[in-house]
Amino acid sequence: MRENIKIEVTQKTIAIDFDGVIHKYSKAWHDGTIYDEPVEGARDAIRLIKNKGFKVVVFTARPDLPGIREWLKKHNIKVDDVTNTKPGAVMYIDDRAVRFTHWRDMLNYL
């Protein structure tokens, strides 16, 4: 079940995927636990993004939002929110994304 969270959408929000972008995720889903260390540079990059005045929202497909919040706190990664729904943002940072240009281009990825 997805947790419903109301997030204020602003022009200064950057949404960052959790697994593979912040959490190293070296064994993929494995057993569903959050088992790895942070991706190198993630903590510093998020700090710099926040220092530039952006709100940082972590998004994930995982249902365990409290576990992610705890992991972020343990690794001293400060974000504004964590959600398992796609938040409104001016930028999405995701390891599995493909930037849309044209449907012809998208079909070439298949």
PDB file of N, CA and C in Angstrom:
ATOM      1  N   MET A   1       0.837  -1.183   0.000  1.00  0.00           N
ATOM      2  CA  MET A   1       0.000   0.000   0.000  1.00  0.00           C
ATOM      3  C   MET A   1       0.883   1.247   0.000  1.00  0.00           C
ATOM      4  N   ARG A   2       0.601   2.174  -0.862  1.00  0.00           N
ATOM      5  CA  ARG A   2       1.387   3.394  -0.947  1.00  0.00           C
ATOM      6  C   ARG A   2       0.927   4.381   0.116  1.00  0.00           C
ATOM      7  N   GLU A   3       1.897   5.033   0.707  1.00  0.00           N
ATOM      8  CA  GLU A   3       1.613   6.032   1.728  1.00  0.00           C
ATOM      9  C   GLU A   3       1.277   7.348   1.039  1.00  0.00           C
ATOM     10  N   ASN A   4       0.157   7.954   1.387  1.00  0.00           N
ATOM     11  CA  ASN A   4      -0.217   9.235   0.794  1.00  0.00           C
ATOM     12  C   ASN A   4       0.422  10.362   1.574  1.00  0.00           C
ATOM     13  N   ILE A   5       1.250  11.106   0.888  1.00  0.00           N
ATOM     14  CA  ILE A   5       1.941  12.229   1.511  1.00  0.00           C
ATOM     15  C   ILE A   5       1.654  13.457   0.672  1.00  0.00           C
ATOM     16  N   LYS A   6       1.265  14.524   1.314  1.00  0.00           N
ATOM     17  CA  LYS A   6       1.067  15.769   0.595  1.00  0.00           C
ATOM     18  C   LYS A   6       2.390  16.508   0.579  1.00  0.00           C
ATOM     19  N   ILE A   7       2.863  16.783  -0.634  1.00  0.00           N
ATOM     20  CA  ILE A   7       4.124  17.488  -0.804  1.00  0.00           C
ATOM     21  C   ILE A   7       3.834  18.784  -1.528  1.00  0.00           C
ATOM     22  N   GLU A   8       4.300  19.882  -0.973  1.00  0.00           N
ATOM     23  CA  GLU A   8       4.135  21.164  -1.623  1.00  0.00           C
ATOM     24  C   GLU A   8       5.040  21.196  -2.852  1.00  0.00           C
ATOM     25  N   VAL A   9       4.451  21.429  -4.006  1.00  0.00           N
ATOM     26  CA  VAL A   9       5.214  21.477  -5.244  1.00  0.00           C
ATOM     27  C   VAL A   9       5.674  22.910  -5.462  1.00  0.00           C
ATOM     28  N   THR A  10       6.963  23.067  -5.633  1.00  0.00           N
ATOM     29  CA  THR A  10       7.516  24.385  -5.914  1.00  0.00           C
ATOM     30  C   THR A  10       8.401  24.284  -7.142  1.00  0.00           C
ATOM     31  N   GLN A  11       8.757  25.402  -7.691  1.00  0.00           N
ATOM     32  CA  GLN A  11       9.659  25.429  -8.836  1.00  0.00           C
ATOM     33  C   GLN A  11      11.073  25.039  -8.430  1.00  0.00           C
ATOM     34  N   LYS A  12      11.335  24.890  -7.155  1.00  0.00           N
ATOM     35  CA  LYS A  12      12.687  24.610  -6.680  1.00  0.00           C
ATOM     36  C   LYS A  12      12.824  23.216  -6.078  1.00  0.00           C
ATOM     37  N   THR A  13      12.020  22.245  -6.539  1.00  0.00           N
ATOM     38  CA  THR A  13      12.106  20.888  -6.017  1.00  0.00           C
ATOM     39  C   THR A  13      12.867  20.002  -6.988  1.00  0.00           C
ATOM     40  N   ILE A  14      13.827  19.230  -6.462  1.00  0.00           N
ATOM     41  CA  ILE A  14      14.524  18.214  -7.227  1.00  0.00           C
ATOM     42  C   ILE A  14      14.198  16.877  -6.583  1.00  0.00           C
ATOM     43  N   ALA A  15      13.715  15.935  -7.392  1.00  0.00           N
ATOM     44  CA  ALA A  15      13.344  14.604  -6.905  1.00  0.00           C
ATOM     45  C   ALA A  15      14.465  13.626  -7.256  1.00  0.00           C
ATOM     46  N   ILE A  16      14.925  12.868  -6.261  1.00  0.00           N
ATOM     47  CA  ILE A  16      16.046  11.952  -6.447  1.00  0.00           C
ATOM     48  C   ILE A  16      15.614  10.542  -6.071  1.00  0.00           C
ATOM     49  N   ASP A  17      15.824   9.608  -6.996  1.00  0.00           N
ATOM     50  CA  ASP A  17      15.524   8.200  -6.754  1.00  0.00           C
ATOM     51  C   ASP A  17      16.433   7.662  -5.642  1.00  0.00           C
ATOM     52  N   PHE A  18      15.925   6.731  -4.867  1.00  0.00           N
ATOM     53  CA  PHE A  18      16.700   6.179  -3.746  1.00  0.00           C
ATOM     54  C   PHE A  18      17.669   5.077  -4.192  1.00  0.00           C
ATOM     55  N   ASP A  19      17.138   3.951  -4.670  1.00  0.00           N
ATOM     56  CA  ASP A  19      17.986   2.802  -5.017  1.00  0.00           C
ATOM     57  C   ASP A  19      18.779   3.061  -6.289  1.00  0.00           C
ATOM     58  N   GLY A  20      20.086   2.899  -6.186  1.00  0.00           N
ATOM     59  CA  GLY A  20      20.963   3.069  -7.328  1.00  0.00           C
ATOM     60  C   GLY A  20      21.449   4.493  -7.534  1.00  0.00           C
ATOM     61  N   VAL A  21      20.866   5.438  -6.799  1.00  0.00           N
ATOM     62  CA  VAL A  21      21.261   6.840  -6.922  1.00  0.00           C
ATOM     63  C   VAL A  21      21.793   7.367  -5.588  1.00  0.00           C
ATOM     64  N   ILE A  22      21.108   7.033  -4.502  1.00  0.00           N
ATOM     65  CA  ILE A  22      21.569   7.403  -3.160  1.00  0.00           C
ATOM     66  C   ILE A  22      22.086   6.158  -2.445  1.00  0.00           C
ATOM     67  N   HIS A  23      21.271   5.113  -2.423  1.00  0.00           N
ATOM     68  CA  HIS A  23      21.634   3.814  -1.837  1.00  0.00           C
ATOM     69  C   HIS A  23      22.311   2.997  -2.929  1.00  0.00           C
ATOM     70  N   LYS A  24      23.528   2.509  -2.685  1.00  0.00           N
ATOM     71  CA  LYS A  24      24.321   1.843  -3.728  1.00  0.00           C
ATOM     72  C   LYS A  24      23.580   0.718  -4.438  1.00  0.00           C
ATOM     73  N   TYR A  25      22.828  -0.110  -3.702  1.00  0.00           N
ATOM     74  CA  TYR A  25      21.928  -1.099  -4.319  1.00  0.00           C
ATOM     75  C   TYR A  25      22.700  -2.116  -5.157  1.00  0.00           C
ATOM     76  N   SER A  26      23.858  -2.554  -4.648  1.00  0.00           N
ATOM     77  CA  SER A  26      24.763  -3.415  -5.418  1.00  0.00           C
ATOM     78  C   SER A  26      24.241  -4.826  -5.665  1.00  0.00           C
ATOM     79  N   LYS A  27      23.276  -5.287  -4.840  1.00  0.00           N
ATOM     80  CA  LYS A  27      22.702  -6.628  -5.018  1.00  0.00           C
ATOM     81  C   LYS A  27      21.273  -6.544  -5.549  1.00  0.00           C
ATOM     82  N   ALA A  28      20.897  -5.418  -6.084  1.00  0.00           N
ATOM     83  CA  ALA A  28      19.535  -5.157  -6.545  1.00  0.00           C
ATOM     84  C   ALA A  28      18.549  -5.355  -5.391  1.00  0.00           C
ATOM     85  N   TRP A  29      17.348  -5.852  -5.688  1.00  0.00           N
ATOM     86  CA  TRP A  29      16.316  -5.949  -4.649  1.00  0.00           C
ATOM     87  C   TRP A  29      16.733  -6.853  -3.511  1.00  0.00           C
ATOM     88  N   HIS A  30      17.472  -7.907  -3.781  1.00  0.00           N
ATOM     89  CA  HIS A  30      17.960  -8.868  -2.782  1.00  0.00           C
ATOM     90  C   HIS A  30      16.754  -9.379  -1.986  1.00  0.00           C
ATOM     91  N   ASP A  31      16.652  -9.046  -0.720  1.00  0.00           N
ATOM     92  CA  ASP A  31      15.519  -9.508   0.092  1.00  0.00           C
ATOM     93  C   ASP A  31      14.632  -8.342   0.546  1.00  0.00           C
ATOM     94  N   GLY A  32      14.805  -7.197  -0.098  1.00  0.00           N
ATOM     95  CA  GLY A  32      13.998  -6.026   0.241  1.00  0.00           C
ATOM     96  C   GLY A  32      14.586  -5.148   1.321  1.00  0.00           C
ATOM     97  N   THR A  33      15.697  -5.584   1.929  1.00  0.00           N
ATOM     98  CA  THR A  33      16.317  -4.757   2.964  1.00  0.00           C
ATOM     99  C   THR A  33      17.124  -3.628   2.321  1.00  0.00           C
ATOM    100  N   ILE A  34      17.397  -2.636   3.118  1.00  0.00           N
ATOM    101  CA  ILE A  34      18.265  -1.537   2.692  1.00  0.00           C
ATOM    102  C   ILE A  34      19.638  -1.867   3.257  1.00  0.00           C
ATOM    103  N   TYR A  35      20.471  -2.505   2.458  1.00  0.00           N
ATOM    104  CA  TYR A  35      21.666  -3.201   2.935  1.00  0.00           C
ATOM    105  C   TYR A  35      22.983  -2.501   2.625  1.00  0.00           C
ATOM    106  N   ASP A  36      22.994  -1.563   1.719  1.00  0.00           N
ATOM    107  CA  ASP A  36      24.247  -1.031   1.202  1.00  0.00           C
ATOM    108  C   ASP A  36      24.581   0.339   1.786  1.00  0.00           C
ATOM    109  N   GLU A  37      25.769   0.780   1.461  1.00  0.00           N
ATOM    110  CA  GLU A  37      26.241   2.120   1.818  1.00  0.00           C
ATOM    111  C   GLU A  37      25.724   3.116   0.772  1.00  0.00           C
ATOM    112  N   PRO A  38      25.903   4.405   1.040  1.00  0.00           N
ATOM    113  CA  PRO A  38      25.522   5.404   0.036  1.00  0.00           C
ATOM    114  C   PRO A  38      26.411   5.334  -1.203  1.00  0.00           C
ATOM    115  N   VAL A  39      25.862   5.737  -2.334  1.00  0.00           N
ATOM    116  CA  VAL A  39      26.639   5.902  -3.554  1.00  0.00           C
ATOM    117  C   VAL A  39      27.666   6.998  -3.290  1.00  0.00           C
ATOM    118  N   GLU A  40      28.884   6.773  -3.750  1.00  0.00           N
ATOM    119  CA  GLU A  40      29.948   7.753  -3.531  1.00  0.00           C
ATOM    120  C   GLU A  40      29.528   9.115  -4.081  1.00  0.00           C
ATOM    121  N   GLY A  41      29.649  10.131  -3.255  1.00  0.00           N
ATOM    122  CA  GLY A  41      29.333  11.499  -3.645  1.00  0.00           C
ATOM    123  C   GLY A  41      27.894  11.918  -3.413  1.00  0.00           C
ATOM    124  N   ALA A  42      27.008  10.973  -3.088  1.00  0.00           N
ATOM    125  CA  ALA A  42      25.583  11.308  -2.934  1.00  0.00           C
ATOM    126  C   ALA A  42      25.354  12.315  -1.811  1.00  0.00           C
ATOM    127  N   ARG A  43      25.940  12.073  -0.651  1.00  0.00           N
ATOM    128  CA  ARG A  43      25.727  12.951   0.502  1.00  0.00           C
ATOM    129  C   ARG A  43      26.154  14.387   0.169  1.00  0.00           C
ATOM    130  N   ASP A  44      27.361  14.535  -0.400  1.00  0.00           N
ATOM    131  CA  ASP A  44      27.873  15.869  -0.714  1.00  0.00           C
ATOM    132  C   ASP A  44      27.050  16.542  -1.804  1.00  0.00           C
ATOM    133  N   ALA A  45      26.645  15.779  -2.816  1.00  0.00           N
ATOM    134  CA  ALA A  45      25.849  16.350  -3.906  1.00  0.00           C
ATOM    135  C   ALA A  45      24.502  16.853  -3.389  1.00  0.00           C
ATOM    136  N   ILE A  46      23.848  16.061  -2.542  1.00  0.00           N
ATOM    137  CA  ILE A  46      22.552  16.473  -1.989  1.00  0.00           C
ATOM    138  C   ILE A  46      22.716  17.705  -1.114  1.00  0.00           C
ATOM    139  N   ARG A  47      23.781  17.749  -0.335  1.00  0.00           N
ATOM    140  CA  ARG A  47      24.054  18.934   0.493  1.00  0.00           C
ATOM    141  C   ARG A  47      24.218  20.173  -0.392  1.00  0.00           C
ATOM    142  N   LEU A  48      24.968  20.048  -1.494  1.00  0.00           N
ATOM    143  CA  LEU A  48      25.177  21.181  -2.403  1.00  0.00           C
ATOM    144  C   LEU A  48      23.876  21.602  -3.084  1.00  0.00           C
ATOM    145  N   ILE A  49      23.061  20.633  -3.481  1.00  0.00           N
ATOM    146  CA  ILE A  49      21.767  20.944  -4.098  1.00  0.00           C
ATOM    147  C   ILE A  49      20.912  21.740  -3.114  1.00  0.00           C
ATOM    148  N   LYS A  50      20.868  21.299  -1.855  1.00  0.00           N
ATOM    149  CA  LYS A  50      20.094  22.011  -0.837  1.00  0.00           C
ATOM    150  C   LYS A  50      20.668  23.403  -0.575  1.00  0.00           C
ATOM    151  N   ASN A  51      22.004  23.511  -0.583  1.00  0.00           N
ATOM    152  CA  ASN A  51      22.639  24.815  -0.364  1.00  0.00           C
ATOM    153  C   ASN A  51      22.337  25.798  -1.490  1.00  0.00           C
ATOM    154  N   LYS A  52      21.998  25.292  -2.668  1.00  0.00           N
ATOM    155  CA  LYS A  52      21.613  26.154  -3.788  1.00  0.00           C
ATOM    156  C   LYS A  52      20.149  26.578  -3.682  1.00  0.00           C
ATOM    157  N   GLY A  53      19.472  26.135  -2.621  1.00  0.00           N
ATOM    158  CA  GLY A  53      18.101  26.568  -2.376  1.00  0.00           C
ATOM    159  C   GLY A  53      17.023  25.622  -2.870  1.00  0.00           C
ATOM    160  N   PHE A  54      17.406  24.439  -3.325  1.00  0.00           N
ATOM    161  CA  PHE A  54      16.416  23.482  -3.790  1.00  0.00           C
ATOM    162  C   PHE A  54      15.879  22.637  -2.648  1.00  0.00           C
ATOM    163  N   LYS A  55      14.612  22.274  -2.752  1.00  0.00           N
ATOM    164  CA  LYS A  55      14.007  21.288  -1.867  1.00  0.00           C
ATOM    165  C   LYS A  55      14.329  19.931  -2.469  1.00  0.00           C
ATOM    166  N   VAL A  56      14.786  18.968  -1.657  1.00  0.00           N
ATOM    167  CA  VAL A  56      15.135  17.634  -2.147  1.00  0.00           C
ATOM    168  C   VAL A  56      14.121  16.632  -1.624  1.00  0.00           C
ATOM    169  N   VAL A  57      13.467  15.940  -2.567  1.00  0.00           N
ATOM    170  CA  VAL A  57      12.517  14.891  -2.235  1.00  0.00           C
ATOM    171  C   VAL A  57      13.067  13.581  -2.779  1.00  0.00           C
ATOM    172  N   VAL A  58      13.204  12.586  -1.914  1.00  0.00           N
ATOM    173  CA  VAL A  58      13.640  11.260  -2.323  1.00  0.00           C
ATOM    174  C   VAL A  58      12.404  10.465  -2.693  1.00  0.00           C
ATOM    175  N   PHE A  59      12.437   9.820  -3.874  1.00  0.00           N
ATOM    176  CA  PHE A  59      11.312   8.983  -4.265  1.00  0.00           C
ATOM    177  C   PHE A  59      11.782   7.549  -4.483  1.00  0.00           C
ATOM    178  N   THR A  60      10.865   6.616  -4.291  1.00  0.00           N
ATOM    179  CA  THR A  60      11.188   5.197  -4.327  1.00  0.00           C
ATOM    180  C   THR A  60       9.952   4.381  -4.638  1.00  0.00           C
ATOM    181  N   ALA A  61      10.151   3.155  -5.082  1.00  0.00           N
ATOM    182  CA  ALA A  61       9.043   2.214  -5.232  1.00  0.00           C
ATOM    183  C   ALA A  61       8.888   1.374  -3.965  1.00  0.00           C
ATOM    184  N   ARG A  62       9.816   1.513  -3.034  1.00  0.00           N
ATOM    185  CA  ARG A  62       9.771   0.736  -1.784  1.00  0.00           C
ATOM    186  C   ARG A  62       8.601   1.182  -0.907  1.00  0.00           C
ATOM    187  N   PRO A  63       7.977   0.233  -0.208  1.00  0.00           N
ATOM    188  CA  PRO A  63       6.905   0.604   0.722  1.00  0.00           C
ATOM    189  C   PRO A  63       7.429   1.071   2.083  1.00  0.00           C
ATOM    190  N   ASP A  64       8.700   0.776   2.409  1.00  0.00           N
ATOM    191  CA  ASP A  64       9.255   1.036   3.741  1.00  0.00           C
ATOM    192  C   ASP A  64       9.847   2.442   3.852  1.00  0.00           C
ATOM    193  N   LEU A  65       8.972   3.454   3.856  1.00  0.00           N
ATOM    194  CA  LEU A  65       9.460   4.829   3.963  1.00  0.00           C
ATOM    195  C   LEU A  65      10.140   5.108   5.295  1.00  0.00           C
ATOM    196  N   PRO A  66       9.622   4.595   6.427  1.00  0.00           N
ATOM    197  CA  PRO A  66      10.338   4.811   7.689  1.00  0.00           C
ATOM    198  C   PRO A  66      11.755   4.212   7.656  1.00  0.00           C
ATOM    199  N   GLY A  67      11.934   3.058   7.019  1.00  0.00           N
ATOM    200  CA  GLY A  67      13.253   2.448   6.910  1.00  0.00           C
ATOM    201  C   GLY A  67      14.211   3.309   6.106  1.00  0.00           C
ATOM    202  N   ILE A  68      13.711   3.926   5.036  1.00  0.00           N
ATOM    203  CA  ILE A  68      14.540   4.813   4.218  1.00  0.00           C
ATOM    204  C   ILE A  68      14.912   6.051   5.015  1.00  0.00           C
ATOM    205  N   ARG A  69      13.953   6.622   5.723  1.00  0.00           N
ATOM    206  CA  ARG A  69      14.243   7.809   6.537  1.00  0.00           C
ATOM    207  C   ARG A  69      15.310   7.494   7.587  1.00  0.00           C
ATOM    208  N   GLU A  70      15.202   6.335   8.202  1.00  0.00           N
ATOM    209  CA  GLU A  70      16.182   5.910   9.201  1.00  0.00           C
ATOM    210  C   GLU A  70      17.570   5.738   8.560  1.00  0.00           C
ATOM    211  N   TRP A  71      17.624   5.110   7.383  1.00  0.00           N
ATOM    212  CA  TRP A  71      18.888   4.906   6.677  1.00  0.00           C
ATOM    213  C   TRP A  71      19.517   6.246   6.311  1.00  0.00           C
ATOM    214  N   LEU A  72      18.715   7.184   5.806  1.00  0.00           N
ATOM    215  CA  LEU A  72      19.221   8.513   5.460  1.00  0.00           C
ATOM    216  C   LEU A  72      19.790   9.215   6.687  1.00  0.00           C
ATOM    217  N   LYS A  73      19.077   9.121   7.804  1.00  0.00           N
ATOM    218  CA  LYS A  73      19.553   9.735   9.054  1.00  0.00           C
ATOM    219  C   LYS A  73      20.859   9.090   9.501  1.00  0.00           C
ATOM    220  N   LYS A  74      20.930   7.752   9.445  1.00  0.00           N
ATOM    221  CA  LYS A  74      22.142   7.022   9.835  1.00  0.00           C
ATOM    222  C   LYS A  74      23.351   7.484   9.025  1.00  0.00           C
ATOM    223  N   HIS A  75      23.127   7.789   7.749  1.00  0.00           N
ATOM    224  CA  HIS A  75      24.220   8.191   6.865  1.00  0.00           C
ATOM    225  C   HIS A  75      24.339   9.709   6.722  1.00  0.00           C
ATOM    226  N   ASN A  76      23.644  10.437   7.591  1.00  0.00           N
ATOM    227  CA  ASN A  76      23.721  11.900   7.634  1.00  0.00           C
ATOM    228  C   ASN A  76      23.417  12.533   6.275  1.00  0.00           C
ATOM    229  N   ILE A  77      22.376  12.029   5.631  1.00  0.00           N
ATOM    230  CA  ILE A  77      21.919  12.586   4.357  1.00  0.00           C
ATOM    231  C   ILE A  77      20.610  13.306   4.650  1.00  0.00           C
ATOM    232  N   LYS A  78      20.656  14.623   4.559  1.00  0.00           N
ATOM    233  CA  LYS A  78      19.503  15.442   4.926  1.00  0.00           C
ATOM    234  C   LYS A  78      18.695  15.793   3.682  1.00  0.00           C
ATOM    235  N   VAL A  79      17.410  15.379   3.706  1.00  0.00           N
ATOM    236  CA  VAL A  79      16.482  15.671   2.610  1.00  0.00           C
ATOM    237  C   VAL A  79      15.215  16.277   3.202  1.00  0.00           C
ATOM    238  N   ASP A  80      14.381  16.812   2.341  1.00  0.00           N
ATOM    239  CA  ASP A  80      13.154  17.444   2.816  1.00  0.00           C
ATOM    240  C   ASP A  80      11.985  16.491   2.966  1.00  0.00           C
ATOM    241  N   ASP A  81      11.972  15.439   2.154  1.00  0.00           N
ATOM    242  CA  ASP A  81      10.874  14.489   2.252  1.00  0.00           C
ATOM    243  C   ASP A  81      11.252  13.188   1.555  1.00  0.00           C
ATOM    244  N   VAL A  82      10.505  12.135   1.863  1.00  0.00           N
ATOM    245  CA  VAL A  82      10.649  10.821   1.228  1.00  0.00           C
ATOM    246  C   VAL A  82       9.242  10.369   0.859  1.00  0.00           C
ATOM    247  N   THR A  83       9.087   9.887  -0.378  1.00  0.00           N
ATOM    248  CA  THR A  83       7.770   9.473  -0.836  1.00  0.00           C
ATOM    249  C   THR A  83       7.877   8.262  -1.766  1.00  0.00           C
ATOM    250  N   ASN A  84       6.795   7.521  -1.875  1.00  0.00           N
ATOM    251  CA  ASN A  84       6.751   6.439  -2.860  1.00  0.00           C
ATOM    252  C   ASN A  84       5.709   6.751  -3.938  1.00  0.00           C
ATOM    253  N   THR A  85       5.464   8.031  -4.137  1.00  0.00           N
ATOM    254  CA  THR A  85       4.693   8.511  -5.280  1.00  0.00           C
ATOM    255  C   THR A  85       5.560   9.546  -6.004  1.00  0.00           C
ATOM    256  N   LYS A  86       5.351   9.712  -7.278  1.00  0.00           N
ATOM    257  CA  LYS A  86       6.178  10.645  -8.048  1.00  0.00           C
ATOM    258  C   LYS A  86       5.814  12.077  -7.675  1.00  0.00           C
ATOM    259  N   PRO A  87       6.764  12.809  -7.109  1.00  0.00           N
ATOM    260  CA  PRO A  87       6.476  14.183  -6.709  1.00  0.00           C
ATOM    261  C   PRO A  87       6.625  15.149  -7.879  1.00  0.00           C
ATOM    262  N   GLY A  88       5.981  16.278  -7.776  1.00  0.00           N
ATOM    263  CA  GLY A  88       6.203  17.340  -8.746  1.00  0.00           C
ATOM    264  C   GLY A  88       7.594  17.909  -8.535  1.00  0.00           C
ATOM    265  N   ALA A  89       8.337  18.125  -9.607  1.00  0.00           N
ATOM    266  CA  ALA A  89       9.702  18.625  -9.485  1.00  0.00           C
ATOM    267  C   ALA A  89      10.149  19.249 -10.797  1.00  0.00           C
ATOM    268  N   VAL A  90      11.193  20.067 -10.713  1.00  0.00           N
ATOM    269  CA  VAL A  90      11.778  20.642 -11.919  1.00  0.00           C
ATOM    270  C   VAL A  90      12.827  19.714 -12.510  1.00  0.00           C
ATOM    271  N   MET A  91      13.272  18.718 -11.736  1.00  0.00           N
ATOM    272  CA  MET A  91      14.265  17.761 -12.212  1.00  0.00           C
ATOM    273  C   MET A  91      14.087  16.457 -11.459  1.00  0.00           C
ATOM    274  N   TYR A  92      14.275  15.340 -12.193  1.00  0.00           N
ATOM    275  CA  TYR A  92      14.249  14.001 -11.609  1.00  0.00           C
ATOM    276  C   TYR A  92      15.612  13.374 -11.863  1.00  0.00           C
ATOM    277  N   ILE A  93      16.237  12.884 -10.814  1.00  0.00           N
ATOM    278  CA  ILE A  93      17.515  12.195 -10.943  1.00  0.00           C
ATOM    279  C   ILE A  93      17.244  10.727 -10.636  1.00  0.00           C
ATOM    280  N   ASP A  94      17.403   9.869 -11.667  1.00  0.00           N
ATOM    281  CA  ASP A  94      17.007   8.471 -11.561  1.00  0.00           C
ATOM    282  C   ASP A  94      17.947   7.635 -12.421  1.00  0.00           C
ATOM    283  N   ASP A  95      18.437   6.517 -11.883  1.00  0.00           N
ATOM    284  CA  ASP A  95      19.381   5.670 -12.615  1.00  0.00           C
ATOM    285  C   ASP A  95      18.730   4.864 -13.733  1.00  0.00           C
ATOM    286  N   ARG A  96      17.432   4.783 -13.771  1.00  0.00           N
ATOM    287  CA  ARG A  96      16.768   3.974 -14.798  1.00  0.00           C
ATOM    288  C   ARG A  96      15.937   4.809 -15.761  1.00  0.00           C
ATOM    289  N   ALA A  97      16.140   6.075 -15.781  1.00  0.00           N
ATOM    290  CA  ALA A  97      15.329   6.954 -16.623  1.00  0.00           C
ATOM    291  C   ALA A  97      15.917   7.093 -18.014  1.00  0.00           C
ATOM    292  N   VAL A  98      15.042   7.371 -18.954  1.00  0.00           N
ATOM    293  CA  VAL A  98      15.427   7.725 -20.312  1.00  0.00           C
ATOM    294  C   VAL A  98      14.763   9.060 -20.596  1.00  0.00           C
ATOM    295  N   ARG A  99      15.557  10.019 -21.020  1.00  0.00           N
ATOM    296  CA  ARG A  99      14.990  11.341 -21.294  1.00  0.00           C
ATOM    297  C   ARG A  99      14.152  11.279 -22.562  1.00  0.00           C
ATOM    298  N   PHE A 100      12.906  11.667 -22.439  1.00  0.00           N
ATOM    299  CA  PHE A 100      12.004  11.653 -23.587  1.00  0.00           C
ATOM    300  C   PHE A 100      12.378  12.756 -24.571  1.00  0.00           C
ATOM    301  N   THR A 101      12.475  12.387 -25.837  1.00  0.00           N
ATOM    302  CA  THR A 101      12.693  13.352 -26.911  1.00  0.00           C
ATOM    303  C   THR A 101      11.565  13.228 -27.928  1.00  0.00           C
ATOM    304  N   HIS A 102      11.374  12.007 -28.415  1.00  0.00           N
ATOM    305  CA  HIS A 102      10.356  11.721 -29.422  1.00  0.00           C
ATOM    306  C   HIS A 102      10.051  10.232 -29.332  1.00  0.00           C
ATOM    307  N   TRP A 103       8.813   9.829 -29.628  1.00  0.00           N
ATOM    308  CA  TRP A 103       8.470   8.411 -29.520  1.00  0.00           C
ATOM    309  C   TRP A 103       9.316   7.532 -30.436  1.00  0.00           C
ATOM    310  N   ARG A 104       9.708   8.044 -31.583  1.00  0.00           N
ATOM    311  CA  ARG A 104      10.579   7.277 -32.485  1.00  0.00           C
ATOM    312  C   ARG A 104      11.888   6.935 -31.764  1.00  0.00           C
ATOM    313  N   ASP A 105      12.440   7.907 -31.055  1.00  0.00           N
ATOM    314  CA  ASP A 105      13.685   7.673 -30.303  1.00  0.00           C
ATOM    315  C   ASP A 105      13.467   6.661 -29.184  1.00  0.00           C
ATOM    316  N   MET A 106      12.328   6.742 -28.513  1.00  0.00           N
ATOM    317  CA  MET A 106      12.053   5.826 -27.408  1.00  0.00           C
ATOM    318  C   MET A 106      11.984   4.384 -27.918  1.00  0.00           C
ATOM    319  N   LEU A 107      11.359   4.185 -29.061  1.00  0.00           N
ATOM    320  CA  LEU A 107      11.235   2.838 -29.613  1.00  0.00           C
ATOM    321  C   LEU A 107      12.587   2.267 -30.032  1.00  0.00           C
ATOM    322  N   ASN A 108      13.538   3.129 -30.343  1.00  0.00           N
ATOM    323  CA  ASN A 108      14.879   2.662 -30.695  1.00  0.00           C
ATOM    324  C   ASN A 108      15.613   2.053 -29.505  1.00  0.00           C
ATOM    325  N   TYR A 109      15.192   2.365 -28.281  1.00  0.00           N
ATOM    326  CA  TYR A 109      15.808   1.788 -27.084  1.00  0.00           C
ATOM    327  C   TYR A 109      15.407   0.328 -26.887  1.00  0.00           C
ATOM    328  N   LEU A 110      14.316  -0.084 -27.518  1.00  0.00           N
ATOM    329  CA  LEU A 110      13.796  -1.439 -27.294  1.00  0.00           C
ATOM    330  C   LEU A 110      14.571  -2.504 -28.037  1.00  0.00           C
TER     331      LEU A 110
END
